[in-house]
């Protein structure tokens, strides 16, 4: 699970395995996204108090940002 709080993804780096489900939960008062340059992560806007989940399908290191607030950065490592 990844929590979005105070304009940060927490944890900043998360390690998971192929087939795991990853959930982003937004605790901020405004929407965020989680989008990587590789097509592995592409969330819709995640509203305040809402969550979005995805099943991880491929191995690799995936840096992602909030497209609405590009200074928010994190990494998903899939083994």
Protein backbone atom coordinates (compact mmCIF):
# COMPACT_ATOMS: atom_id res chain seq x y z
CA UNK A 1 0.00 0.00 0.00
CA UNK A 2 1.13 3.50 -0.85
CA UNK A 3 -0.28 6.48 1.01
CA UNK A 4 -0.39 9.92 -0.60
CA UNK A 5 -0.08 12.44 2.21
CA UNK A 6 1.39 15.95 2.54
CA UNK A 7 2.22 15.99 -1.18
CA UNK A 8 4.36 12.81 -0.94
CA UNK A 9 4.08 9.16 -1.89
CA UNK A 10 4.82 7.07 1.21
CA UNK A 11 6.89 4.97 1.01
CA UNK A 12 8.93 6.63 -1.72
CA UNK A 13 10.20 3.23 -2.84
CA UNK A 14 8.15 0.06 -2.66
CA UNK A 15 9.32 -3.42 -3.65
CA UNK A 16 6.68 -5.95 -4.77
CA UNK A 17 6.42 -9.13 -6.86
CA UNK A 18 4.72 -9.76 -10.19
CA UNK A 19 1.07 -10.56 -9.45
CA UNK A 20 0.88 -8.39 -6.32
CA UNK A 21 -1.82 -5.74 -6.02
CA UNK A 22 -0.60 -2.23 -5.22
CA UNK A 23 -3.03 0.34 -3.82
CA UNK A 24 -2.55 4.10 -3.69
CA UNK A 25 -4.68 5.89 -1.06
CA UNK A 26 -5.00 9.66 -1.20
CA UNK A 27 -5.13 11.36 2.22
CA UNK A 28 -4.57 14.87 0.82
CA UNK A 29 -7.45 17.32 0.29
CA UNK A 30 -6.99 17.42 -3.50
CA UNK A 31 -6.60 14.85 -6.32
CA UNK A 32 -3.37 13.16 -7.38
CA UNK A 33 -2.25 10.64 -10.00
CA UNK A 34 0.45 7.95 -10.19
CA UNK A 35 1.89 7.70 -13.72
CA UNK A 36 5.17 6.19 -14.96
CA UNK A 37 6.93 6.97 -18.23
CA UNK A 38 6.74 3.26 -18.99
CA UNK A 39 3.14 2.09 -19.47
CA UNK A 40 3.20 -0.03 -16.29
CA UNK A 41 1.54 2.57 -14.02
CA UNK A 42 -1.22 4.89 -15.19
CA UNK A 43 -3.81 5.86 -12.62
CA UNK A 44 -6.79 8.11 -13.16
CA UNK A 45 -7.14 11.07 -10.84
CA UNK A 46 -7.37 9.72 -7.30
CA UNK A 47 -9.70 12.01 -5.36
CA UNK A 48 -9.36 13.00 -1.73
CA UNK A 49 -10.12 10.04 0.50
CA UNK A 50 -10.17 7.66 -2.48
CA UNK A 51 -7.94 4.75 -3.54
CA UNK A 52 -6.83 3.18 -6.79
CA UNK A 53 -5.36 -0.33 -7.17
CA UNK A 54 -3.54 -2.22 -9.90
CA UNK A 55 -2.14 -5.73 -10.30
CA UNK A 56 1.56 -5.63 -11.19
CA UNK A 57 2.12 -7.48 -14.49
CA UNK A 58 5.80 -7.00 -15.36
CA UNK A 59 9.21 -6.89 -13.68
CA UNK A 60 11.32 -3.78 -13.58
CA UNK A 61 11.96 -0.48 -11.83
CA UNK A 62 9.21 2.06 -12.46
CA UNK A 63 9.73 5.69 -11.51
CA UNK A 64 6.42 7.51 -11.35
CA UNK A 65 5.07 10.99 -10.63
CA UNK A 66 1.83 12.77 -9.94
CA UNK A 67 1.04 14.45 -13.27
CA UNK A 68 -0.89 17.17 -11.42
CA UNK A 69 2.06 17.88 -9.08
CA UNK A 70 5.24 16.76 -10.94
CA UNK A 71 7.53 17.35 -7.96
CA UNK A 72 5.90 14.30 -6.32
CA UNK A 73 8.08 11.33 -7.30
CA UNK A 74 8.43 7.72 -6.23
CA UNK A 75 9.59 4.29 -7.44
CA UNK A 76 7.96 0.87 -7.69
CA UNK A 77 10.42 -2.04 -7.91
CA UNK A 78 8.90 -5.26 -9.23
CA UNK A 79 10.85 -8.50 -8.79
